[in-house]
Amino acid sequence: MQANNLLSKKCVPCEGGTEPLKGEKLAVYSPIVLDWTVIEETRIEKDFKFKDFQEALTFVNKVGELAESEGHHPDMLLHNWRKVKIMLSTHAIKGLSENDFIMAVKINQLLNKTV
């Protein structure tokens, strides 16, 4: 699988009872977002650093707009006036789903357009 495959997809609602990605299934998605860190097979996260607070805030707002359009909402932390940490997980299944990787790829693409 490649990033372009995920860019063309849209997040779909995930119901409880769906199995989270683990092991070999997770290994298919992880290489697509090498710049994101897989944490305990339950979430992926990435730290972003910007030149100033305004640039960081603009990025957070654009990620928020993307999250609303996709219906999949990350946890975000704007800290140290110019750093942003984004954490993705599918809360309904208490783990990772394809939606998390779709969002990660789209956030990476958004970053290239924002800065």
N, C-alpha and C. Protein backbone atom coordinates (compact mmCIF):
# COMPACT_ATOMS: atom_id res chain seq x y z
N MET A 1 0.83 -1.17 0.00
CA MET A 1 0.00 0.00 0.00
C MET A 1 0.88 1.25 0.00
N GLN A 2 0.39 2.31 -0.64
CA GLN A 2 1.14 3.56 -0.73
C GLN A 2 0.31 4.72 -0.22
N ALA A 3 0.99 5.83 0.08
CA ALA A 3 0.31 7.02 0.58
C ALA A 3 -0.77 7.49 -0.38
N ASN A 4 -0.51 7.44 -1.69
CA ASN A 4 -1.50 7.89 -2.66
C ASN A 4 -2.80 7.10 -2.56
N ASN A 5 -2.69 5.81 -2.24
CA ASN A 5 -3.90 5.00 -2.07
C ASN A 5 -4.76 5.54 -0.93
N LEU A 6 -4.11 5.94 0.16
CA LEU A 6 -4.84 6.46 1.31
C LEU A 6 -5.36 7.87 1.07
N LEU A 7 -4.61 8.67 0.32
CA LEU A 7 -5.06 10.04 0.02
C LEU A 7 -6.39 10.06 -0.72
N SER A 8 -6.63 9.04 -1.51
CA SER A 8 -7.86 8.99 -2.30
C SER A 8 -9.05 8.45 -1.49
N LYS A 9 -8.78 7.98 -0.28
CA LYS A 9 -9.86 7.41 0.55
C LYS A 9 -10.42 8.46 1.50
N LYS A 10 -11.59 8.17 2.00
CA LYS A 10 -12.25 9.01 2.99
C LYS A 10 -12.46 8.17 4.24
N CYS A 11 -12.31 8.78 5.40
CA CYS A 11 -12.56 8.06 6.64
C CYS A 11 -14.01 7.61 6.70
N VAL A 12 -14.21 6.41 7.22
CA VAL A 12 -15.56 5.87 7.36
C VAL A 12 -15.83 5.64 8.84
N PRO A 13 -17.08 5.81 9.26
CA PRO A 13 -17.39 5.60 10.67
C PRO A 13 -16.99 4.20 11.12
N CYS A 14 -16.39 4.12 12.27
CA CYS A 14 -15.91 2.85 12.81
C CYS A 14 -16.74 2.51 14.03
N GLU A 15 -17.35 1.37 14.02
CA GLU A 15 -18.19 0.93 15.13
C GLU A 15 -17.38 0.04 16.06
N GLY A 16 -17.78 0.02 17.31
CA GLY A 16 -17.18 -0.93 18.25
C GLY A 16 -17.41 -2.34 17.71
N GLY A 17 -16.55 -3.25 18.04
CA GLY A 17 -16.65 -4.61 17.53
C GLY A 17 -15.72 -4.85 16.36
N THR A 18 -15.27 -3.77 15.72
CA THR A 18 -14.27 -3.89 14.66
C THR A 18 -12.92 -4.12 15.34
N GLU A 19 -12.14 -5.01 14.81
CA GLU A 19 -10.83 -5.31 15.39
C GLU A 19 -9.82 -4.22 15.03
N PRO A 20 -9.05 -3.72 16.01
CA PRO A 20 -8.00 -2.76 15.69
C PRO A 20 -6.86 -3.42 14.91
N LEU A 21 -6.12 -2.61 14.18
CA LEU A 21 -4.96 -3.11 13.44
C LEU A 21 -3.86 -3.48 14.42
N LYS A 22 -3.34 -4.68 14.28
CA LYS A 22 -2.23 -5.15 15.12
C LYS A 22 -1.35 -6.06 14.29
N GLY A 23 -0.13 -6.26 14.75
CA GLY A 23 0.78 -7.22 14.13
C GLY A 23 0.97 -7.01 12.64
N GLU A 24 0.72 -8.06 11.87
CA GLU A 24 0.95 -8.02 10.43
C GLU A 24 0.06 -7.00 9.72
N LYS A 25 -1.18 -6.86 10.18
CA LYS A 25 -2.09 -5.89 9.57
C LYS A 25 -1.58 -4.47 9.80
N LEU A 26 -1.09 -4.21 10.99
CA LEU A 26 -0.52 -2.89 11.30
C LEU A 26 0.75 -2.66 10.50
N ALA A 27 1.53 -3.71 10.29
CA ALA A 27 2.79 -3.61 9.54
C ALA A 27 2.57 -3.19 8.09
N VAL A 28 1.38 -3.40 7.56
CA VAL A 28 1.07 -2.98 6.19
C VAL A 28 0.97 -1.45 6.12
N TYR A 29 0.43 -0.84 7.17
CA TYR A 29 0.18 0.60 7.18
C TYR A 29 1.35 1.43 7.72
N SER A 30 2.06 0.93 8.69
CA SER A 30 3.13 1.71 9.35
C SER A 30 4.17 2.29 8.40
N PRO A 31 4.64 1.53 7.39
CA PRO A 31 5.66 2.10 6.50
C PRO A 31 5.17 3.28 5.66
N ILE A 32 3.87 3.42 5.53
CA ILE A 32 3.31 4.52 4.73
C ILE A 32 3.55 5.85 5.43
N VAL A 33 3.58 5.83 6.75
CA VAL A 33 3.76 7.05 7.53
C VAL A 33 4.97 6.90 8.46
N LEU A 34 6.13 6.68 7.86
CA LEU A 34 7.35 6.45 8.64
C LEU A 34 7.68 7.59 9.59
N ASP A 35 7.23 8.79 9.26
CA ASP A 35 7.52 9.94 10.12
C ASP A 35 6.58 10.03 11.32
N TRP A 36 5.63 9.11 11.42
CA TRP A 36 4.75 9.01 12.58
C TRP A 36 5.23 7.83 13.42
N THR A 37 5.05 7.92 14.73
CA THR A 37 5.49 6.87 15.65
C THR A 37 4.30 6.05 16.10
N VAL A 38 4.42 4.74 15.99
CA VAL A 38 3.38 3.84 16.50
C VAL A 38 3.66 3.64 17.99
N ILE A 39 2.66 3.91 18.81
CA ILE A 39 2.80 3.78 20.26
C ILE A 39 1.92 2.62 20.73
N GLU A 40 2.56 1.57 21.23
CA GLU A 40 1.91 0.40 21.83
C GLU A 40 0.78 -0.18 20.96
N GLU A 41 0.92 -0.04 19.65
CA GLU A 41 -0.08 -0.54 18.70
C GLU A 41 -1.49 0.01 18.96
N THR A 42 -1.57 1.15 19.67
CA THR A 42 -2.89 1.73 19.96
C THR A 42 -3.07 3.13 19.38
N ARG A 43 -1.97 3.80 19.04
CA ARG A 43 -2.07 5.14 18.46
C ARG A 43 -0.81 5.44 17.65
N ILE A 44 -0.94 6.45 16.79
CA ILE A 44 0.23 6.99 16.10
C ILE A 44 0.31 8.46 16.45
N GLU A 45 1.52 8.98 16.51
CA GLU A 45 1.68 10.38 16.84
C GLU A 45 2.88 10.98 16.12
N LYS A 46 2.82 12.31 16.01
CA LYS A 46 3.89 13.03 15.33
C LYS A 46 4.00 14.41 15.94
N ASP A 47 5.24 14.87 16.07
CA ASP A 47 5.53 16.22 16.54
C ASP A 47 5.88 17.12 15.36
N PHE A 48 5.32 18.30 15.36
CA PHE A 48 5.56 19.29 14.32
C PHE A 48 6.14 20.53 14.98
N LYS A 49 7.05 21.20 14.29
CA LYS A 49 7.66 22.43 14.82
C LYS A 49 7.53 23.52 13.76
N PHE A 50 7.08 24.70 14.17
CA PHE A 50 6.84 25.80 13.26
C PHE A 50 7.69 27.00 13.63
N LYS A 51 7.74 27.99 12.76
CA LYS A 51 8.61 29.15 13.02
C LYS A 51 8.07 30.04 14.12
N ASP A 52 6.73 30.05 14.31
CA ASP A 52 6.16 30.90 15.35
C ASP A 52 4.77 30.38 15.74
N PHE A 53 4.18 31.04 16.74
CA PHE A 53 2.88 30.64 17.25
C PHE A 53 1.80 30.72 16.18
N GLN A 54 1.78 31.77 15.40
CA GLN A 54 0.74 31.95 14.39
C GLN A 54 0.76 30.83 13.36
N GLU A 55 1.94 30.44 12.93
CA GLU A 55 2.05 29.35 11.95
C GLU A 55 1.55 28.03 12.56
N ALA A 56 1.89 27.79 13.82
CA ALA A 56 1.42 26.59 14.51
C ALA A 56 -0.10 26.60 14.66
N LEU A 57 -0.65 27.74 15.02
CA LEU A 57 -2.10 27.87 15.19
C LEU A 57 -2.83 27.69 13.86
N THR A 58 -2.28 28.25 12.80
CA THR A 58 -2.87 28.07 11.46
C THR A 58 -2.91 26.60 11.10
N PHE A 59 -1.84 25.88 11.38
CA PHE A 59 -1.78 24.45 11.09
C PHE A 59 -2.84 23.70 11.90
N VAL A 60 -2.94 24.00 13.20
CA VAL A 60 -3.94 23.34 14.05
C VAL A 60 -5.34 23.57 13.50
N ASN A 61 -5.63 24.79 13.08
CA ASN A 61 -6.95 25.09 12.54
C ASN A 61 -7.22 24.33 11.24
N LYS A 62 -6.21 24.21 10.39
CA LYS A 62 -6.38 23.46 9.14
C LYS A 62 -6.58 21.97 9.41
N VAL A 63 -5.87 21.43 10.40
CA VAL A 63 -6.08 20.03 10.78
C VAL A 63 -7.49 19.86 11.33
N GLY A 64 -7.96 20.84 12.08
CA GLY A 64 -9.32 20.80 12.60
C GLY A 64 -10.36 20.77 11.48
N GLU A 65 -10.16 21.58 10.46
CA GLU A 65 -11.06 21.59 9.31
C GLU A 65 -11.04 20.25 8.59
N LEU A 66 -9.85 19.69 8.42
CA LEU A 66 -9.71 18.38 7.79
C LEU A 66 -10.43 17.31 8.62
N ALA A 67 -10.23 17.36 9.93
CA ALA A 67 -10.86 16.38 10.82
C ALA A 67 -12.38 16.45 10.72
N GLU A 68 -12.92 17.65 10.66
CA GLU A 68 -14.37 17.79 10.52
C GLU A 68 -14.85 17.22 9.20
N SER A 69 -14.12 17.49 8.13
CA SER A 69 -14.55 16.99 6.82
C SER A 69 -14.44 15.48 6.72
N GLU A 70 -13.51 14.88 7.44
CA GLU A 70 -13.31 13.43 7.42
C GLU A 70 -14.14 12.72 8.49
N GLY A 71 -14.60 13.46 9.49
CA GLY A 71 -15.34 12.82 10.58
C GLY A 71 -14.45 11.96 11.46
N HIS A 72 -13.18 12.30 11.52
CA HIS A 72 -12.22 11.55 12.34
C HIS A 72 -11.30 12.56 13.02
N HIS A 73 -11.39 12.64 14.34
CA HIS A 73 -10.79 13.74 15.08
C HIS A 73 -9.58 13.32 15.91
N PRO A 74 -8.43 13.93 15.64
CA PRO A 74 -7.22 13.62 16.41
C PRO A 74 -7.20 14.37 17.74
N ASP A 75 -6.35 13.93 18.62
CA ASP A 75 -6.00 14.72 19.80
C ASP A 75 -4.85 15.60 19.37
N MET A 76 -4.92 16.89 19.72
CA MET A 76 -3.87 17.83 19.32
C MET A 76 -3.44 18.65 20.53
N LEU A 77 -2.16 18.92 20.56
CA LEU A 77 -1.58 19.71 21.64
C LEU A 77 -0.68 20.79 21.02
N LEU A 78 -1.03 22.04 21.23
CA LEU A 78 -0.20 23.17 20.82
C LEU A 78 0.56 23.60 22.06
N HIS A 79 1.87 23.50 22.03
CA HIS A 79 2.67 23.77 23.23
C HIS A 79 3.99 24.45 22.86
N ASN A 80 4.64 25.00 23.86
CA ASN A 80 5.92 25.69 23.69
C ASN A 80 5.85 26.72 22.56
N TRP A 81 4.75 27.37 22.41
CA TRP A 81 4.43 28.46 21.50
C TRP A 81 4.57 28.17 20.02
N ARG A 82 5.23 27.09 19.63
CA ARG A 82 5.36 26.81 18.20
C ARG A 82 5.44 25.32 17.85
N LYS A 83 5.08 24.48 18.80
CA LYS A 83 5.12 23.04 18.57
C LYS A 83 3.70 22.47 18.64
N VAL A 84 3.45 21.47 17.80
CA VAL A 84 2.16 20.80 17.78
C VAL A 84 2.41 19.30 17.80
N LYS A 85 1.72 18.61 18.70
CA LYS A 85 1.75 17.14 18.74
C LYS A 85 0.36 16.68 18.32
N ILE A 86 0.32 15.76 17.36
CA ILE A 86 -0.94 15.19 16.92
C ILE A 86 -0.91 13.70 17.20
N MET A 87 -1.99 13.22 17.83
CA MET A 87 -2.13 11.82 18.18
C MET A 87 -3.40 11.28 17.54
N LEU A 88 -3.28 10.17 16.84
CA LEU A 88 -4.41 9.56 16.15
C LEU A 88 -4.68 8.17 16.70
N SER A 89 -5.93 7.90 16.97
CA SER A 89 -6.38 6.60 17.42
C SER A 89 -7.88 6.53 17.14
N THR A 90 -8.40 5.34 16.99
CA THR A 90 -9.84 5.19 16.80
C THR A 90 -10.43 4.77 18.14
N HIS A 91 -11.02 5.74 18.81
CA HIS A 91 -11.47 5.54 20.19
C HIS A 91 -12.53 4.44 20.30
N ALA A 92 -13.39 4.30 19.29
CA ALA A 92 -14.47 3.30 19.34
C ALA A 92 -13.94 1.87 19.45
N ILE A 93 -12.71 1.65 18.94
CA ILE A 93 -12.15 0.29 19.00
C ILE A 93 -10.91 0.22 19.89
N LYS A 94 -10.60 1.36 20.53
CA LYS A 94 -9.46 1.44 21.45
C LYS A 94 -8.16 0.99 20.79
N GLY A 95 -7.96 1.45 19.56
CA GLY A 95 -6.76 1.09 18.81
C GLY A 95 -6.71 1.80 17.48
N LEU A 96 -5.94 1.26 16.58
CA LEU A 96 -5.73 1.87 15.27
C LEU A 96 -6.61 1.24 14.20
N SER A 97 -7.09 2.11 13.32
CA SER A 97 -7.84 1.65 12.14
C SER A 97 -7.24 2.32 10.91
N GLU A 98 -7.72 1.91 9.76
CA GLU A 98 -7.25 2.54 8.52
C GLU A 98 -7.49 4.05 8.56
N ASN A 99 -8.57 4.48 9.22
CA ASN A 99 -8.88 5.92 9.32
C ASN A 99 -7.70 6.72 9.88
N ASP A 100 -7.01 6.17 10.85
CA ASP A 100 -5.89 6.88 11.46
C ASP A 100 -4.77 7.12 10.45
N PHE A 101 -4.55 6.17 9.60
CA PHE A 101 -3.50 6.30 8.59
C PHE A 101 -3.94 7.20 7.44
N ILE A 102 -5.22 7.17 7.12
CA ILE A 102 -5.75 8.11 6.12
C ILE A 102 -5.53 9.54 6.62
N MET A 103 -5.87 9.77 7.88
CA MET A 103 -5.69 11.12 8.44
C MET A 103 -4.21 11.51 8.50
N ALA A 104 -3.34 10.59 8.88
CA ALA A 104 -1.91 10.90 8.97
C ALA A 104 -1.36 11.33 7.61
N VAL A 105 -1.73 10.60 6.57
CA VAL A 105 -1.27 10.93 5.22
C VAL A 105 -1.82 12.29 4.78
N LYS A 106 -3.08 12.54 5.10
CA LYS A 106 -3.69 13.81 4.71
C LYS A 106 -3.12 14.98 5.53
N ILE A 107 -2.78 14.74 6.79
CA ILE A 107 -2.14 15.77 7.61
C ILE A 107 -0.75 16.07 7.05
N ASN A 108 -0.01 15.04 6.67
CA ASN A 108 1.30 15.27 6.06
C ASN A 108 1.17 16.11 4.79
N GLN A 109 0.18 15.81 3.98
CA GLN A 109 -0.04 16.58 2.75
C GLN A 109 -0.42 18.02 3.09
N LEU A 110 -1.25 18.18 4.10
CA LEU A 110 -1.68 19.50 4.55
C LEU A 110 -0.49 20.32 5.02
N LEU A 111 0.44 19.69 5.71
CA LEU A 111 1.63 20.37 6.19
C LEU A 111 2.41 20.97 5.04
N ASN A 112 2.53 20.25 3.96
CA ASN A 112 3.25 20.75 2.80
C ASN A 112 2.57 21.96 2.17
N LYS A 113 1.26 22.06 2.34
CA LYS A 113 0.50 23.19 1.78
C LYS A 113 0.47 24.37 2.74
N THR A 114 0.63 24.12 4.05
CA THR A 114 0.49 25.16 5.07
C THR A 114 1.76 25.99 5.21
N VAL A 115 2.90 25.32 5.20
CA VAL A 115 4.16 26.01 5.49
C VAL A 115 4.78 26.59 4.25
